[in-house]
PDB file of all heavy atoms in Angstrom:
ATOM      1  N   SER A   1      -3.609 -22.967  38.226  1.00  0.00           N
ATOM      2  CA  SER A   1      -4.895 -23.393  37.670  1.00  0.00           C
ATOM      3  C   SER A   1      -5.875 -22.236  37.566  1.00  0.00           C
ATOM      4  O   SER A   1      -6.859 -22.317  36.857  1.00  0.00           O
ATOM      5  CB  SER A   1      -5.492 -24.523  38.509  1.00  0.00           C
ATOM      6  OG  SER A   1      -5.845 -24.043  39.786  1.00  0.00           O
ATOM      7  N   CYS A   2      -5.614 -21.144  38.249  1.00  0.00           N
ATOM      8  CA  CYS A   2      -6.491 -19.979  38.176  1.00  0.00           C
ATOM      9  C   CYS A   2      -5.929 -18.895  37.257  1.00  0.00           C
ATOM     10  O   CYS A   2      -6.409 -17.773  37.252  1.00  0.00           O
ATOM     11  CB  CYS A   2      -6.694 -19.392  39.574  1.00  0.00           C
ATOM     12  SG  CYS A   2      -7.610 -20.485  40.661  1.00  0.00           S
ATOM     13  N   SER A   3      -4.916 -19.218  36.494  1.00  0.00           N
ATOM     14  CA  SER A   3      -4.319 -18.209  35.628  1.00  0.00           C
ATOM     15  C   SER A   3      -5.289 -17.777  34.533  1.00  0.00           C
ATOM     16  O   SER A   3      -6.239 -18.478  34.217  1.00  0.00           O
ATOM     17  CB  SER A   3      -3.029 -18.737  34.998  1.00  0.00           C
ATOM     18  OG  SER A   3      -3.325 -19.746  34.069  1.00  0.00           O
ATOM     19  N   GLY A   4      -5.039 -16.649  33.916  1.00  0.00           N
ATOM     20  CA  GLY A   4      -5.925 -16.099  32.884  1.00  0.00           C
ATOM     21  C   GLY A   4      -6.138 -17.028  31.716  1.00  0.00           C
ATOM     22  O   GLY A   4      -7.222 -17.128  31.177  1.00  0.00           O
ATOM     23  N   LYS A   5      -5.117 -17.737  31.290  1.00  0.00           N
ATOM     24  CA  LYS A   5      -5.242 -18.613  30.126  1.00  0.00           C
ATOM     25  C   LYS A   5      -6.282 -19.695  30.371  1.00  0.00           C
ATOM     26  O   LYS A   5      -7.145 -19.946  29.543  1.00  0.00           O
ATOM     27  CB  LYS A   5      -3.893 -19.247  29.789  1.00  0.00           C
ATOM     28  CG  LYS A   5      -3.917 -20.120  28.570  1.00  0.00           C
ATOM     29  CD  LYS A   5      -2.550 -20.671  28.255  1.00  0.00           C
ATOM     30  CE  LYS A   5      -2.602 -21.530  27.016  1.00  0.00           C
ATOM     31  NZ  LYS A   5      -1.334 -22.171  26.736  1.00  0.00           N
ATOM     32  N   LYS A   6      -6.225 -20.335  31.507  1.00  0.00           N
ATOM     33  CA  LYS A   6      -7.180 -21.388  31.795  1.00  0.00           C
ATOM     34  C   LYS A   6      -8.560 -20.816  32.064  1.00  0.00           C
ATOM     35  O   LYS A   6      -9.551 -21.426  31.763  1.00  0.00           O
ATOM     36  CB  LYS A   6      -6.689 -22.244  32.947  1.00  0.00           C
ATOM     37  CG  LYS A   6      -5.443 -23.006  32.562  1.00  0.00           C
ATOM     38  CD  LYS A   6      -5.079 -24.045  33.535  1.00  0.00           C
ATOM     39  CE  LYS A   6      -3.815 -24.725  33.057  1.00  0.00           C
ATOM     40  NZ  LYS A   6      -3.521 -25.934  33.739  1.00  0.00           N
ATOM     41  N   LYS A   7      -8.621 -19.636  32.642  1.00  0.00           N
ATOM     42  CA  LYS A   7      -9.895 -18.992  32.884  1.00  0.00           C
ATOM     43  C   LYS A   7     -10.619 -18.721  31.575  1.00  0.00           C
ATOM     44  O   LYS A   7     -11.810 -18.864  31.479  1.00  0.00           O
ATOM     45  CB  LYS A   7      -9.676 -17.671  33.616  1.00  0.00           C
ATOM     46  CG  LYS A   7     -10.209 -17.623  34.984  1.00  0.00           C
ATOM     47  CD  LYS A   7     -10.008 -16.229  35.539  1.00  0.00           C
ATOM     48  CE  LYS A   7     -10.539 -16.118  36.921  1.00  0.00           C
ATOM     49  NZ  LYS A   7     -10.319 -14.824  37.492  1.00  0.00           N
ATOM     50  N   LYS A   8      -9.869 -18.351  30.560  1.00  0.00           N
ATOM     51  CA  LYS A   8     -10.456 -18.055  29.264  1.00  0.00           C
ATOM     52  C   LYS A   8     -11.268 -19.244  28.766  1.00  0.00           C
ATOM     53  O   LYS A   8     -12.375 -19.100  28.300  1.00  0.00           O
ATOM     54  CB  LYS A   8      -9.350 -17.723  28.249  1.00  0.00           C
ATOM     55  CG  LYS A   8      -9.849 -17.465  26.853  1.00  0.00           C
ATOM     56  CD  LYS A   8      -8.702 -17.161  25.921  1.00  0.00           C
ATOM     57  CE  LYS A   8      -9.193 -16.964  24.514  1.00  0.00           C
ATOM     58  NZ  LYS A   8      -8.116 -16.796  23.562  1.00  0.00           N
ATOM     59  N   TYR A   9     -10.719 -20.447  28.901  1.00  0.00           N
ATOM     60  CA  TYR A   9     -11.428 -21.627  28.435  1.00  0.00           C
ATOM     61  C   TYR A   9     -12.609 -21.948  29.325  1.00  0.00           C
ATOM     62  O   TYR A   9     -13.606 -22.451  28.861  1.00  0.00           O
ATOM     63  CB  TYR A   9     -10.469 -22.820  28.337  1.00  0.00           C
ATOM     64  CG  TYR A   9      -9.418 -22.590  27.294  1.00  0.00           C
ATOM     65  CD1 TYR A   9      -8.098 -22.330  27.642  1.00  0.00           C
ATOM     66  CD2 TYR A   9      -9.752 -22.593  25.950  1.00  0.00           C
ATOM     67  CE1 TYR A   9      -7.137 -22.101  26.683  1.00  0.00           C
ATOM     68  CE2 TYR A   9      -8.795 -22.353  24.977  1.00  0.00           C
ATOM     69  CZ  TYR A   9      -7.492 -22.117  25.354  1.00  0.00           C
ATOM     70  OH  TYR A   9      -6.559 -21.880  24.399  1.00  0.00           O
ATOM     71  N   ALA A  10     -12.500 -21.663  30.602  1.00  0.00           N
ATOM     72  CA  ALA A  10     -13.594 -21.940  31.514  1.00  0.00           C
ATOM     73  C   ALA A  10     -14.793 -21.048  31.214  1.00  0.00           C
ATOM     74  O   ALA A  10     -15.912 -21.394  31.545  1.00  0.00           O
ATOM     75  CB  ALA A  10     -13.138 -21.757  32.952  1.00  0.00           C
ATOM     76  N   GLU A  11     -14.574 -19.915  30.583  1.00  0.00           N
ATOM     77  CA  GLU A  11     -15.650 -18.973  30.292  1.00  0.00           C
ATOM     78  C   GLU A  11     -16.331 -19.246  28.950  1.00  0.00           C
ATOM     79  O   GLU A  11     -17.231 -18.534  28.575  1.00  0.00           O
ATOM     80  CB  GLU A  11     -15.113 -17.551  30.313  1.00  0.00           C
ATOM     81  CG  GLU A  11     -14.654 -17.129  31.687  1.00  0.00           C
ATOM     82  CD  GLU A  11     -13.990 -15.770  31.683  1.00  0.00           C
ATOM     83  OE1 GLU A  11     -13.899 -15.129  30.631  1.00  0.00           O
ATOM     84  OE2 GLU A  11     -13.549 -15.357  32.755  1.00  0.00           O
ATOM     85  N   CYS A  12     -15.917 -20.265  28.224  1.00  0.00           N
ATOM     86  CA  CYS A  12     -16.500 -20.573  26.932  1.00  0.00           C
ATOM     87  C   CYS A  12     -17.539 -21.675  27.084  1.00  0.00           C
ATOM     88  O   CYS A  12     -17.313 -22.655  27.779  1.00  0.00           O
ATOM     89  CB  CYS A  12     -15.420 -21.014  25.946  1.00  0.00           C
ATOM     90  SG  CYS A  12     -14.286 -19.668  25.563  1.00  0.00           S
ATOM     91  N   ASP A  13     -18.674 -21.466  26.432  1.00  0.00           N
ATOM     92  CA  ASP A  13     -19.751 -22.458  26.464  1.00  0.00           C
ATOM     93  C   ASP A  13     -19.985 -22.982  25.054  1.00  0.00           C
ATOM     94  O   ASP A  13     -20.000 -22.211  24.087  1.00  0.00           O
ATOM     95  CB  ASP A  13     -21.045 -21.838  26.985  1.00  0.00           C
ATOM     96  CG  ASP A  13     -20.966 -21.473  28.456  1.00  0.00           C
ATOM     97  OD1 ASP A  13     -20.344 -22.231  29.218  1.00  0.00           O
ATOM     98  OD2 ASP A  13     -21.548 -20.446  28.826  1.00  0.00           O
ATOM     99  N   TYR A  14     -20.181 -24.288  24.970  1.00  0.00           N
ATOM    100  CA  TYR A  14     -20.420 -24.945  23.684  1.00  0.00           C
ATOM    101  C   TYR A  14     -21.785 -25.611  23.690  1.00  0.00           C
ATOM    102  O   TYR A  14     -22.203 -26.179  24.691  1.00  0.00           O
ATOM    103  CB  TYR A  14     -19.341 -26.006  23.411  1.00  0.00           C
ATOM    104  CG  TYR A  14     -17.992 -25.409  23.129  1.00  0.00           C
ATOM    105  CD1 TYR A  14     -17.123 -25.067  24.164  1.00  0.00           C
ATOM    106  CD2 TYR A  14     -17.582 -25.175  21.833  1.00  0.00           C
ATOM    107  CE1 TYR A  14     -15.891 -24.502  23.898  1.00  0.00           C
ATOM    108  CE2 TYR A  14     -16.345 -24.624  21.567  1.00  0.00           C
ATOM    109  CZ  TYR A  14     -15.505 -24.283  22.595  1.00  0.00           C
ATOM    110  OH  TYR A  14     -14.286 -23.731  22.328  1.00  0.00           O
ATOM    111  N   ASP A  15     -22.474 -25.523  22.570  1.00  0.00           N
ATOM    112  CA  ASP A  15     -23.711 -26.254  22.350  1.00  0.00           C
ATOM    113  C   ASP A  15     -23.313 -27.564  21.683  1.00  0.00           C
ATOM    114  O   ASP A  15     -22.709 -27.553  20.609  1.00  0.00           O
ATOM    115  CB  ASP A  15     -24.647 -25.445  21.451  1.00  0.00           C
ATOM    116  CG  ASP A  15     -25.970 -26.139  21.219  1.00  0.00           C
ATOM    117  OD1 ASP A  15     -26.354 -26.989  22.044  1.00  0.00           O
ATOM    118  OD2 ASP A  15     -26.621 -25.829  20.204  1.00  0.00           O
ATOM    119  N   THR A  16     -23.607 -28.680  22.313  1.00  0.00           N
ATOM    120  CA  THR A  16     -23.204 -29.985  21.797  1.00  0.00           C
ATOM    121  C   THR A  16     -24.421 -30.741  21.301  1.00  0.00           C
ATOM    122  O   THR A  16     -25.427 -30.852  22.011  1.00  0.00           O
ATOM    123  CB  THR A  16     -22.492 -30.796  22.895  1.00  0.00           C
ATOM    124  OG1 THR A  16     -21.341 -30.052  23.319  1.00  0.00           O
ATOM    125  CG2 THR A  16     -22.049 -32.145  22.398  1.00  0.00           C
ATOM    126  N   VAL A  17     -24.311 -31.255  20.064  1.00  0.00           N
ATOM    127  CA  VAL A  17     -25.410 -31.984  19.432  1.00  0.00           C
ATOM    128  C   VAL A  17     -24.901 -33.332  18.952  1.00  0.00           C
ATOM    129  O   VAL A  17     -23.907 -33.400  18.230  1.00  0.00           O
ATOM    130  CB  VAL A  17     -25.979 -31.191  18.229  1.00  0.00           C
ATOM    131  CG1 VAL A  17     -27.072 -31.968  17.528  1.00  0.00           C
ATOM    132  CG2 VAL A  17     -26.482 -29.832  18.674  1.00  0.00           C
ATOM    133  N   LYS A  18     -25.569 -34.402  19.363  1.00  0.00           N
ATOM    134  CA  LYS A  18     -25.288 -35.732  18.825  1.00  0.00           C
ATOM    135  C   LYS A  18     -26.211 -35.934  17.642  1.00  0.00           C
ATOM    136  O   LYS A  18     -27.428 -35.728  17.753  1.00  0.00           O
ATOM    137  CB  LYS A  18     -25.541 -36.813  19.879  1.00  0.00           C
ATOM    138  CG  LYS A  18     -24.572 -36.765  21.025  1.00  0.00           C
ATOM    139  CD  LYS A  18     -24.868 -37.853  22.033  1.00  0.00           C
ATOM    140  CE  LYS A  18     -23.908 -37.741  23.209  1.00  0.00           C
ATOM    141  NZ  LYS A  18     -24.183 -38.753  24.222  1.00  0.00           N
ATOM    142  N   THR A  19     -25.647 -36.320  16.511  1.00  0.00           N
ATOM    143  CA  THR A  19     -26.438 -36.433  15.298  1.00  0.00           C
ATOM    144  C   THR A  19     -25.867 -37.508  14.379  1.00  0.00           C
ATOM    145  O   THR A  19     -24.930 -38.205  14.747  1.00  0.00           O
ATOM    146  CB  THR A  19     -26.502 -35.065  14.571  1.00  0.00           C
ATOM    147  OG1 THR A  19     -27.415 -35.171  13.471  1.00  0.00           O
ATOM    148  CG2 THR A  19     -25.148 -34.603  14.094  1.00  0.00           C
ATOM    149  N   LEU A  20     -26.439 -37.621  13.207  1.00  0.00           N
ATOM    150  CA  LEU A  20     -25.941 -38.526  12.178  1.00  0.00           C
ATOM    151  C   LEU A  20     -25.493 -37.715  10.976  1.00  0.00           C
ATOM    152  O   LEU A  20     -26.062 -36.655  10.673  1.00  0.00           O
ATOM    153  CB  LEU A  20     -27.034 -39.504  11.733  1.00  0.00           C
ATOM    154  CG  LEU A  20     -27.483 -40.550  12.745  1.00  0.00           C
ATOM    155  CD1 LEU A  20     -28.647 -41.359  12.181  1.00  0.00           C
ATOM    156  CD2 LEU A  20     -26.342 -41.468  13.125  1.00  0.00           C
ATOM    157  N   ALA A  21     -24.485 -38.222  10.293  1.00  0.00           N
ATOM    158  CA  ALA A  21     -24.034 -37.644   9.028  1.00  0.00           C
ATOM    159  C   ALA A  21     -24.104 -38.772   8.003  1.00  0.00           C
ATOM    160  O   ALA A  21     -23.530 -39.840   8.205  1.00  0.00           O
ATOM    161  CB  ALA A  21     -22.616 -37.115   9.148  1.00  0.00           C
ATOM    162  N   GLU A  22     -24.816 -38.530   6.906  1.00  0.00           N
ATOM    163  CA  GLU A  22     -25.013 -39.546   5.877  1.00  0.00           C
ATOM    164  C   GLU A  22     -24.243 -39.181   4.612  1.00  0.00           C
ATOM    165  O   GLU A  22     -24.267 -38.030   4.170  1.00  0.00           O
ATOM    166  CB  GLU A  22     -26.500 -39.669   5.546  1.00  0.00           C
ATOM    167  CG  GLU A  22     -26.802 -40.695   4.484  1.00  0.00           C
ATOM    168  CD  GLU A  22     -28.287 -40.829   4.192  1.00  0.00           C
ATOM    169  OE1 GLU A  22     -29.098 -40.110   4.815  1.00  0.00           O
ATOM    170  OE2 GLU A  22     -28.632 -41.645   3.337  1.00  0.00           O
ATOM    171  N   VAL A  23     -23.580 -40.179   4.012  1.00  0.00           N
ATOM    172  CA  VAL A  23     -22.885 -39.969   2.742  1.00  0.00           C
ATOM    173  C   VAL A  23     -23.945 -39.866   1.648  1.00  0.00           C
ATOM    174  O   VAL A  23     -24.698 -40.814   1.400  1.00  0.00           O
ATOM    175  CB  VAL A  23     -21.912 -41.132   2.424  1.00  0.00           C
ATOM    176  CG1 VAL A  23     -21.261 -40.922   1.067  1.00  0.00           C
ATOM    177  CG2 VAL A  23     -20.858 -41.262   3.517  1.00  0.00           C
ATOM    178  N   ILE A  24     -24.020 -38.683   1.023  1.00  0.00           N
ATOM    179  CA  ILE A  24     -25.042 -38.486  -0.016  1.00  0.00           C
ATOM    180  C   ILE A  24     -24.446 -38.351  -1.412  1.00  0.00           C
ATOM    181  O   ILE A  24     -25.185 -38.407  -2.396  1.00  0.00           O
ATOM    182  CB  ILE A  24     -25.934 -37.254   0.298  1.00  0.00           C
ATOM    183  CG1 ILE A  24     -25.094 -35.977   0.387  1.00  0.00           C
ATOM    184  CG2 ILE A  24     -26.736 -37.497   1.574  1.00  0.00           C
ATOM    185  CD1 ILE A  24     -25.905 -34.702   0.441  1.00  0.00           C
ATOM    186  N   ASN A  25     -23.125 -38.191  -1.495  1.00  0.00           N
ATOM    187  CA  ASN A  25     -22.493 -38.055  -2.811  1.00  0.00           C
ATOM    188  C   ASN A  25     -20.995 -38.305  -2.685  1.00  0.00           C
ATOM    189  O   ASN A  25     -20.393 -37.987  -1.662  1.00  0.00           O
ATOM    190  CB  ASN A  25     -22.752 -36.661  -3.391  1.00  0.00           C
ATOM    191  CG  ASN A  25     -22.473 -36.574  -4.867  1.00  0.00           C
ATOM    192  OD1 ASN A  25     -22.118 -37.556  -5.512  1.00  0.00           O
ATOM    193  ND2 ASN A  25     -22.644 -35.383  -5.425  1.00  0.00           N
ATOM    194  N   MET A  26     -20.436 -38.885  -3.724  1.00  0.00           N
ATOM    195  CA  MET A  26     -18.986 -39.034  -3.835  1.00  0.00           C
ATOM    196  C   MET A  26     -18.644 -38.675  -5.269  1.00  0.00           C
ATOM    197  O   MET A  26     -19.228 -39.233  -6.207  1.00  0.00           O
ATOM    198  CB  MET A  26     -18.548 -40.470  -3.521  1.00  0.00           C
ATOM    199  CG  MET A  26     -18.714 -40.819  -2.065  1.00  0.00           C
ATOM    200  SD  MET A  26     -17.978 -42.404  -1.596  1.00  0.00           S
ATOM    201  CE  MET A  26     -19.168 -43.552  -2.242  1.00  0.00           C
ATOM    202  N   LYS A  27     -17.737 -37.712  -5.422  1.00  0.00           N
ATOM    203  CA  LYS A  27     -17.401 -37.216  -6.754  1.00  0.00           C
ATOM    204  C   LYS A  27     -15.940 -36.791  -6.777  1.00  0.00           C
ATOM    205  O   LYS A  27     -15.326 -36.604  -5.719  1.00  0.00           O
ATOM    206  CB  LYS A  27     -18.313 -36.049  -7.118  1.00  0.00           C
ATOM    207  CG  LYS A  27     -18.232 -34.871  -6.145  1.00  0.00           C
ATOM    208  CD  LYS A  27     -19.265 -33.814  -6.452  1.00  0.00           C
ATOM    209  CE  LYS A  27     -19.154 -32.665  -5.444  1.00  0.00           C
ATOM    210  NZ  LYS A  27     -20.159 -31.666  -5.641  1.00  0.00           N
ATOM    211  N   PRO A  28     -15.370 -36.628  -7.969  1.00  0.00           N
ATOM    212  CA  PRO A  28     -13.989 -36.120  -8.032  1.00  0.00           C
ATOM    213  C   PRO A  28     -13.891 -34.774  -7.307  1.00  0.00           C
ATOM    214  O   PRO A  28     -14.764 -33.918  -7.447  1.00  0.00           O
ATOM    215  CB  PRO A  28     -13.731 -35.966  -9.529  1.00  0.00           C
ATOM    216  CG  PRO A  28     -14.691 -36.906 -10.175  1.00  0.00           C
ATOM    217  CD  PRO A  28     -15.917 -36.917  -9.299  1.00  0.00           C
ATOM    218  N   HIS A  29     -12.846 -34.626  -6.517  1.00  0.00           N
ATOM    219  CA  HIS A  29     -12.631 -33.384  -5.769  1.00  0.00           C
ATOM    220  C   HIS A  29     -12.276 -32.277  -6.748  1.00  0.00           C
ATOM    221  O   HIS A  29     -11.550 -32.502  -7.718  1.00  0.00           O
ATOM    222  CB  HIS A  29     -11.502 -33.584  -4.749  1.00  0.00           C
ATOM    223  CG  HIS A  29     -11.454 -32.527  -3.709  1.00  0.00           C
ATOM    224  ND1 HIS A  29     -10.895 -31.294  -3.930  1.00  0.00           N
ATOM    225  CD2 HIS A  29     -11.907 -32.514  -2.436  1.00  0.00           C
ATOM    226  CE1 HIS A  29     -11.005 -30.567  -2.834  1.00  0.00           C
ATOM    227  NE2 HIS A  29     -11.616 -31.287  -1.913  1.00  0.00           N
ATOM    228  N   PRO A  30     -12.768 -31.063  -6.519  1.00  0.00           N
ATOM    229  CA  PRO A  30     -12.449 -29.948  -7.415  1.00  0.00           C
ATOM    230  C   PRO A  30     -10.950 -29.705  -7.588  1.00  0.00           C
ATOM    231  O   PRO A  30     -10.504 -29.216  -8.620  1.00  0.00           O
ATOM    232  CB  PRO A  30     -13.114 -28.733  -6.766  1.00  0.00           C
ATOM    233  CG  PRO A  30     -14.141 -29.281  -5.849  1.00  0.00           C
ATOM    234  CD  PRO A  30     -13.686 -30.656  -5.457  1.00  0.00           C
TER     235      PRO A  30
END
């Protein structure tokens, strides 16, 4: 559990935001 691979993830910080996403357009995909 103290190996380098797992340590790498423990050293990462994320900014987490709860929000809304609104559908504003629907069109043929390019």
